[in-house]
C-alpha atoms as a PDB file:
ATOM      1  CA  MET A   1    -169.297  28.659-116.309  1.00  0.00           C
ATOM      2  CA  LEU A   2    -167.453  31.993-116.481  1.00  0.00           C
ATOM      3  CA  LYS A   3    -170.343  33.771-114.775  1.00  0.00           C
ATOM      4  CA  ARG A   4    -170.504  31.083-112.064  1.00  0.00           C
ATOM      5  CA  ASN A   5    -166.734  31.344-111.464  1.00  0.00           C
ATOM      6  CA  LEU A   6    -166.983  35.132-111.291  1.00  0.00           C
ATOM      7  CA  LEU A   7    -169.755  34.892-108.696  1.00  0.00           C
ATOM      8  CA  PHE A   8    -167.673  32.370-106.750  1.00  0.00           C
ATOM      9  CA  ILE A   9    -164.635  34.710-106.778  1.00  0.00           C
ATOM     10  CA  LEU A  10    -166.767  37.680-105.764  1.00  0.00           C
ATOM     11  CA  SER A  11    -168.257  35.614-102.933  1.00  0.00           C
ATOM     12  CA  LEU A  12    -164.770  34.691-101.710  1.00  0.00           C
ATOM     13  CA  LEU A  13    -163.717  38.360-101.869  1.00  0.00           C
ATOM     14  CA  LEU A  14    -166.806  39.392 -99.917  1.00  0.00           C
ATOM     15  CA  LEU A  15    -166.236  36.731 -97.269  1.00  0.00           C
ATOM     16  CA  ASN A  16    -162.587  37.729 -96.991  1.00  0.00           C
ATOM     17  CA  THR A  17    -163.555  41.391 -96.645  1.00  0.00           C
ATOM     18  CA  LEU A  18    -166.045  40.560 -93.896  1.00  0.00           C
ATOM     19  CA  SER A  19    -163.449  38.411 -92.151  1.00  0.00           C
ATOM     20  CA  VAL A  20    -160.861  41.201 -92.245  1.00  0.00           C
ATOM     21  CA  ALA A  21    -163.414  43.733 -91.021  1.00  0.00           C
ATOM     22  CA  TYR A  22    -164.414  41.462 -88.147  1.00  0.00           C
ATOM     23  CA  SER A  23    -160.823  40.796 -87.121  1.00  0.00           C
ATOM     24  CA  ALA A  24    -160.091  44.514 -87.287  1.00  0.00           C
ATOM     25  CA  GLU A  25    -162.964  45.200 -84.924  1.00  0.00           C
ATOM     26  CA  GLN A  26    -162.071  42.452 -82.498  1.00  0.00           C
ATOM     27  CA  PRO A  27    -159.287  44.231 -80.536  1.00  0.00           C
ATOM     28  CA  VAL A  28    -161.423  47.366 -80.240  1.00  0.00           C
ATOM     29  CA  GLN A  29    -164.276  45.228 -78.962  1.00  0.00           C
ATOM     30  CA  GLN A  30    -161.886  43.600 -76.479  1.00  0.00           C
ATOM     31  CA  LEU A  31    -160.925  47.041 -75.175  1.00  0.00           C
ATOM     32  CA  GLN A  32    -164.566  48.084 -74.907  1.00  0.00           C
ATOM     33  CA  ALA A  33    -165.407  44.834 -73.107  1.00  0.00           C
ATOM     34  CA  PHE A  34    -162.459  45.294 -70.731  1.00  0.00           C
ATOM     35  CA  LEU A  35    -163.565  48.825 -69.855  1.00  0.00           C
ATOM     36  CA  LYS A  36    -167.141  47.657 -69.386  1.00  0.00           C
ATOM     37  CA  VAL A  37    -166.285  44.985 -66.820  1.00  0.00           C
ATOM     38  CA  SER A  38    -163.481  46.913 -65.070  1.00  0.00           C
ATOM     39  CA  LYS A  39    -165.028  48.501 -61.996  1.00  0.00           C
ATOM     40  CA  SER A  40    -161.706  48.588 -60.164  1.00  0.00           C
ATOM     41  CA  LEU A  41    -158.109  47.641 -60.854  1.00  0.00           C
ATOM     42  CA  THR A  42    -154.709  47.581 -59.187  1.00  0.00           C
ATOM     43  CA  ALA A  43    -151.330  47.011 -60.816  1.00  0.00           C
ATOM     44  CA  ASP A  44    -147.619  47.628 -60.508  1.00  0.00           C
ATOM     45  CA  PHE A  45    -146.243  49.817 -63.270  1.00  0.00           C
ATOM     46  CA  LYS A  46    -143.009  50.738 -64.977  1.00  0.00           C
ATOM     47  CA  GLN A  47    -142.980  54.058 -66.839  1.00  0.00           C
ATOM     48  CA  VAL A  48    -140.304  54.929 -69.393  1.00  0.00           C
ATOM     49  CA  LEU A  49    -139.887  58.408 -70.900  1.00  0.00           C
ATOM     50  CA  ILE A  50    -138.276  58.519 -74.355  1.00  0.00           C
ATOM     51  CA  ASN A  51    -136.920  61.705 -75.959  1.00  0.00           C
ATOM     52  CA  GLU A  52    -137.087  62.918 -79.576  1.00  0.00           C
ATOM     53  CA  SER A  53    -133.977  60.899 -80.445  1.00  0.00           C
ATOM     54  CA  GLY A  54    -135.662  57.688 -79.342  1.00  0.00           C
ATOM     55  CA  ASN A  55    -133.534  57.308 -76.226  1.00  0.00           C
ATOM     56  CA  PRO A  56    -134.995  56.488 -72.805  1.00  0.00           C
ATOM     57  CA  TYR A  57    -133.963  59.090 -70.264  1.00  0.00           C
ATOM     58  CA  GLN A  58    -136.103  58.353 -67.202  1.00  0.00           C
ATOM     59  CA  THR A  59    -137.617  55.179 -65.792  1.00  0.00           C
ATOM     60  CA  SER A  60    -140.042  55.198 -62.859  1.00  0.00           C
ATOM     61  CA  TYR A  61    -141.740  52.461 -60.846  1.00  0.00           C
ATOM     62  CA  GLY A  62    -144.839  52.442 -58.709  1.00  0.00           C
ATOM     63  CA  VAL A  63    -148.371  51.228 -58.030  1.00  0.00           C
ATOM     64  CA  PHE A  64    -151.580  52.150 -59.868  1.00  0.00           C
ATOM     65  CA  TYR A  65    -155.137  52.080 -58.467  1.00  0.00           C
ATOM     66  CA  LEU A  66    -158.362  52.598 -60.414  1.00  0.00           C
ATOM     67  CA  GLN A  67    -161.992  52.723 -59.365  1.00  0.00           C
ATOM     68  CA  ARG A  68    -164.609  53.755 -61.865  1.00  0.00           C
ATOM     69  CA  PRO A  69    -166.021  56.235 -62.366  1.00  0.00           C
ATOM     70  CA  GLY A  70    -163.437  58.948 -61.978  1.00  0.00           C
ATOM     71  CA  LYS A  71    -161.120  57.677 -59.239  1.00  0.00           C
ATOM     72  CA  PHE A  72    -157.495  56.753 -59.795  1.00  0.00           C
ATOM     73  CA  ARG A  73    -154.143  57.000 -58.091  1.00  0.00           C
ATOM     74  CA  TRP A  74    -150.550  56.712 -59.295  1.00  0.00           C
ATOM     75  CA  ASP A  75    -147.998  56.182 -56.531  1.00  0.00           C
ATOM     76  CA  TYR A  76    -144.540  56.769 -58.009  1.00  0.00           C
ATOM     77  CA  GLN A  77    -142.074  55.104 -55.641  1.00  0.00           C
ATOM     78  CA  LYS A  78    -138.736  55.003 -57.506  1.00  0.00           C
ATOM     79  CA  PRO A  79    -136.526  56.859 -58.275  1.00  0.00           C
ATOM     80  CA  PHE A  80    -138.620  59.819 -57.015  1.00  0.00           C
ATOM     81  CA  GLN A  81    -141.766  59.817 -54.923  1.00  0.00           C
ATOM     82  CA  GLN A  82    -144.809  61.436 -56.511  1.00  0.00           C
ATOM     83  CA  GLN A  83    -148.552  60.973 -56.247  1.00  0.00           C
ATOM     84  CA  ILE A  84    -151.367  61.640 -58.696  1.00  0.00           C
ATOM     85  CA  VAL A  85    -154.779  61.244 -57.056  1.00  0.00           C
ATOM     86  CA  SER A  86    -158.162  61.810 -58.685  1.00  0.00           C
ATOM     87  CA  THR A  87    -161.570  61.966 -57.032  1.00  0.00           C
ATOM     88  CA  SER A  88    -164.620  64.271 -56.952  1.00  0.00           C
ATOM     89  CA  GLY A  89    -163.792  65.764 -60.356  1.00  0.00           C
ATOM     90  CA  LYS A  90    -160.310  66.967 -59.383  1.00  0.00           C
ATOM     91  CA  VAL A  91    -156.751  65.688 -59.731  1.00  0.00           C
ATOM     92  CA  TRP A  92    -153.986  66.338 -57.183  1.00  0.00           C
ATOM     93  CA  PHE A  93    -150.361  66.151 -58.311  1.00  0.00           C
ATOM     94  CA  TYR A  94    -147.977  65.916 -55.350  1.00  0.00           C
ATOM     95  CA  ASP A  95    -144.204  66.108 -55.769  1.00  0.00           C
ATOM     96  CA  THR A  96    -142.586  64.935 -52.541  1.00  0.00           C
ATOM     97  CA  ASP A  97    -139.128  66.371 -53.282  1.00  0.00           C
ATOM     98  CA  LEU A  98    -140.496  69.815 -54.139  1.00  0.00           C
ATOM     99  CA  ASP A  99    -143.146  69.585 -51.402  1.00  0.00           C
ATOM    100  CA  GLN A 100    -145.554  71.013 -53.962  1.00  0.00           C
ATOM    101  CA  VAL A 101    -149.176  70.217 -54.822  1.00  0.00           C
ATOM    102  CA  THR A 102    -150.935  71.178 -58.065  1.00  0.00           C
ATOM    103  CA  VAL A 103    -154.720  70.822 -58.331  1.00  0.00           C
ATOM    104  CA  LYS A 104    -156.548  70.589 -61.658  1.00  0.00           C
ATOM    105  CA  LYS A 105    -160.079  69.897 -62.777  1.00  0.00           C
ATOM    106  CA  LEU A 106    -160.335  66.354 -64.097  1.00  0.00           C
ATOM    107  CA  ASP A 107    -161.194  67.446 -67.645  1.00  0.00           C
ATOM    108  CA  GLU A 108    -158.088  69.656 -67.742  1.00  0.00           C
ATOM    109  CA  SER A 109    -155.728  66.815 -66.905  1.00  0.00           C
ATOM    110  CA  VAL A 110    -156.075  64.836 -70.161  1.00  0.00           C
ATOM    111  CA  GLY A 111    -152.544  65.796 -71.134  1.00  0.00           C
ATOM    112  CA  SER A 112    -151.140  64.784 -67.781  1.00  0.00           C
ATOM    113  CA  THR A 113    -152.434  61.336 -66.950  1.00  0.00           C
ATOM    114  CA  PRO A 114    -153.434  58.420 -69.176  1.00  0.00           C
ATOM    115  CA  ALA A 115    -155.581  57.064 -66.340  1.00  0.00           C
ATOM    116  CA  LEU A 116    -158.313  59.469 -67.432  1.00  0.00           C
ATOM    117  CA  LEU A 117    -158.825  57.225 -70.472  1.00  0.00           C
ATOM    118  CA  LEU A 118    -159.640  54.312 -68.172  1.00  0.00           C
ATOM    119  CA  SER A 119    -161.591  56.238 -65.554  1.00  0.00           C
ATOM    120  CA  GLY A 120    -164.994  56.152 -67.259  1.00  0.00           C
ATOM    121  CA  ASN A 121    -165.258  59.949 -67.209  1.00  0.00           C
ATOM    122  CA  ILE A 122    -164.843  60.351 -70.945  1.00  0.00           C
ATOM    123  CA  SER A 123    -166.229  58.422 -73.906  1.00  0.00           C
ATOM    124  CA  LEU A 124    -163.481  56.872 -75.996  1.00  0.00           C
ATOM    125  CA  GLU A 125    -165.822  56.597 -78.974  1.00  0.00           C
ATOM    126  CA  ASP A 126    -166.698  60.294 -78.833  1.00  0.00           C
ATOM    127  CA  ASN A 127    -163.157  61.535 -78.311  1.00  0.00           C
ATOM    128  CA  PHE A 128    -160.984  59.100 -80.257  1.00  0.00           C
ATOM    129  CA  THR A 129    -160.829  57.156 -83.482  1.00  0.00           C
ATOM    130  CA  MET A 130    -159.938  53.605 -82.406  1.00  0.00           C
ATOM    131  CA  LEU A 131    -157.820  51.463 -84.732  1.00  0.00           C
ATOM    132  CA  ASP A 132    -156.645  47.862 -84.473  1.00  0.00           C
ATOM    133  CA  GLN A 133    -152.836  47.660 -84.479  1.00  0.00           C
ATOM    134  CA  GLY A 134    -152.604  43.874 -84.511  1.00  0.00           C
ATOM    135  CA  THR A 135    -150.589  41.734 -82.126  1.00  0.00           C
ATOM    136  CA  ASP A 136    -147.015  41.830 -80.913  1.00  0.00           C
ATOM    137  CA  GLY A 137    -146.154  38.641 -79.083  1.00  0.00           C
ATOM    138  CA  ASP A 138    -148.861  38.087 -76.478  1.00  0.00           C
ATOM    139  CA  LEU A 139    -150.141  41.660 -76.668  1.00  0.00           C
ATOM    140  CA  THR A 140    -152.984  43.065 -78.752  1.00  0.00           C
ATOM    141  CA  TRP A 141    -152.699  46.802 -79.461  1.00  0.00           C
ATOM    142  CA  ILE A 142    -155.369  49.436 -80.103  1.00  0.00           C
ATOM    143  CA  LYS A 143    -154.437  52.911 -81.335  1.00  0.00           C
ATOM    144  CA  LEU A 144    -156.437  55.953 -80.221  1.00  0.00           C
ATOM    145  CA  LEU A 145    -156.292  59.050 -82.414  1.00  0.00           C
ATOM    146  CA  PRO A 146    -157.731  62.190 -80.768  1.00  0.00           C
ATOM    147  CA  LYS A 147    -160.619  63.753 -82.665  1.00  0.00           C
ATOM    148  CA  ASN A 148    -159.913  67.091 -80.993  1.00  0.00           C
ATOM    149  CA  GLN A 149    -157.135  68.855 -82.910  1.00  0.00           C
ATOM    150  CA  ASP A 150    -156.173  70.752 -79.747  1.00  0.00           C
ATOM    151  CA  SER A 151    -155.306  67.531 -77.913  1.00  0.00           C
ATOM    152  CA  SER A 152    -151.845  67.432 -76.351  1.00  0.00           C
ATOM    153  CA  PHE A 153    -151.347  63.881 -77.704  1.00  0.00           C
ATOM    154  CA  LYS A 154    -150.698  62.696 -81.253  1.00  0.00           C
ATOM    155  CA  TYR A 155    -151.820  59.184 -80.406  1.00  0.00           C
ATOM    156  CA  ILE A 156    -152.256  56.724 -77.563  1.00  0.00           C
ATOM    157  CA  LEU A 157    -151.696  52.972 -77.744  1.00  0.00           C
ATOM    158  CA  ILE A 158    -153.368  50.567 -75.324  1.00  0.00           C
ATOM    159  CA  GLY A 159    -152.053  47.002 -75.056  1.00  0.00           C
ATOM    160  CA  LEU A 160    -154.156  44.101 -73.823  1.00  0.00           C
ATOM    161  CA  ASN A 161    -152.923  40.679 -72.757  1.00  0.00           C
ATOM    162  CA  LYS A 162    -155.743  38.117 -72.781  1.00  0.00           C
ATOM    163  CA  SER A 163    -158.254  40.975 -72.452  1.00  0.00           C
ATOM    164  CA  SER A 164    -156.430  42.465 -69.458  1.00  0.00           C
ATOM    165  CA  LEU A 165    -154.535  45.751 -69.362  1.00  0.00           C
ATOM    166  CA  ALA A 166    -150.832  45.248 -70.149  1.00  0.00           C
ATOM    167  CA  GLY A 167    -149.387  48.519 -71.407  1.00  0.00           C
ATOM    168  CA  MET A 168    -149.857  52.015 -72.813  1.00  0.00           C
ATOM    169  CA  GLU A 169    -147.837  54.276 -75.079  1.00  0.00           C
ATOM    170  CA  LEU A 170    -148.489  58.002 -75.416  1.00  0.00           C
ATOM    171  CA  SER A 171    -146.932  60.294 -78.007  1.00  0.00           C
ATOM    172  CA  ASP A 172    -147.262  63.997 -77.265  1.00  0.00           C
ATOM    173  CA  ASN A 173    -146.889  67.038 -79.504  1.00  0.00           C
ATOM    174  CA  PHE A 174    -143.413  67.763 -78.138  1.00  0.00           C
ATOM    175  CA  GLY A 175    -141.844  64.628 -79.568  1.00  0.00           C
ATOM    176  CA  GLN A 176    -141.793  62.687 -76.298  1.00  0.00           C
ATOM    177  CA  LEU A 177    -142.976  59.117 -75.874  1.00  0.00           C
ATOM    178  CA  THR A 178    -144.250  57.728 -72.590  1.00  0.00           C
ATOM    179  CA  ARG A 179    -144.418  53.954 -72.276  1.00  0.00           C
ATOM    180  CA  ILE A 180    -146.135  52.286 -69.334  1.00  0.00           C
ATOM    181  CA  TYR A 181    -145.912  48.577 -68.605  1.00  0.00           C
ATOM    182  CA  PHE A 182    -148.357  46.995 -66.145  1.00  0.00           C
ATOM    183  CA  SER A 183    -147.748  43.841 -64.106  1.00  0.00           C
ATOM    184  CA  ASN A 184    -149.473  41.994 -61.254  1.00  0.00           C
ATOM    185  CA  VAL A 185    -152.796  43.288 -62.565  1.00  0.00           C
ATOM    186  CA  LEU A 186    -155.820  42.551 -60.362  1.00  0.00           C
ATOM    187  CA  LEU A 187    -159.250  43.127 -61.892  1.00  0.00           C
ATOM    188  CA  ASN A 188    -162.106  44.273 -59.660  1.00  0.00           C
ATOM    189  CA  PRO A 189    -160.365  43.945 -56.293  1.00  0.00           C
ATOM    190  CA  SER A 190    -161.743  45.602 -53.175  1.00  0.00           C
ATOM    191  CA  ILE A 191    -159.912  48.926 -52.682  1.00  0.00           C
ATOM    192  CA  ARG A 192    -160.036  50.993 -49.501  1.00  0.00           C
ATOM    193  CA  SER A 193    -161.906  54.245 -50.117  1.00  0.00           C
ATOM    194  CA  ASN A 194    -159.188  56.338 -48.446  1.00  0.00           C
ATOM    195  CA  ILE A 195    -156.765  55.310 -51.200  1.00  0.00           C
ATOM    196  CA  PHE A 196    -158.427  58.003 -53.313  1.00  0.00           C
ATOM    197  CA  GLU A 197    -158.446  60.665 -50.616  1.00  0.00           C
ATOM    198  CA  PHE A 198    -155.778  63.352 -50.683  1.00  0.00           C
ATOM    199  CA  GLN A 199    -154.905  66.066 -48.237  1.00  0.00           C
ATOM    200  CA  ALA A 200    -152.006  68.384 -48.915  1.00  0.00           C
ATOM    201  CA  PRO A 201    -149.213  67.860 -46.385  1.00  0.00           C
ATOM    202  CA  LYS A 202    -148.772  70.660 -43.884  1.00  0.00           C
ATOM    203  CA  GLY A 203    -146.433  73.319 -45.221  1.00  0.00           C
ATOM    204  CA  ALA A 204    -146.638  72.160 -48.863  1.00  0.00           C
ATOM    205  CA  ASP A 205    -147.075  74.799 -51.569  1.00  0.00           C
ATOM    206  CA  VAL A 206    -150.490  74.366 -53.220  1.00  0.00           C
ATOM    207  CA  PHE A 207    -151.281  75.679 -56.699  1.00  0.00           C
ATOM    208  CA  SER A 208    -154.780  75.452 -58.160  1.00  0.00           C
ATOM    209  CA  ASP A 209    -155.699  76.083 -61.810  1.00  0.00           C
END
């Protein structure tokens, strides 16, 4: 009887372990499935910058466009107008107020735009350790820890709402948090190709790395 009870307890422990392991993998699998089916995406966004003291000091609003592989665009509309456009392996950063354009190779812009994670140009599995962070309300969170010690980020959180993109949080090595909230998300819409074209405005200062 004792041996049978011990086997029963061990079986319950094994089943519980498998259940926990499966549930831990589920959010990661949801993220992988979302990335697999997301050929294009549009959304409104709200971006909040938070300083070392935990206080928000800048909030921006705009529209985000994504077309895989490798094309994305952030149109910052309020309070300042800026554009980040990626296509053909390059990223253009345009500051309207400064009338200044900075051009980077796509692989050099990891520290500058979280859209690279969604663009299909890098493998999340090869570059990050992905961890389930559970749920918070309607959102399921996955934490990405960079495998490269030279990464400019400590971690990145991706939030999914019913398997659709809902939010991101990025913590950099300077103690700053960036939180991005997505709304009005459209999955796989038709996007005009010229959305991802960029030409520096006449007279703008252009800097290329």
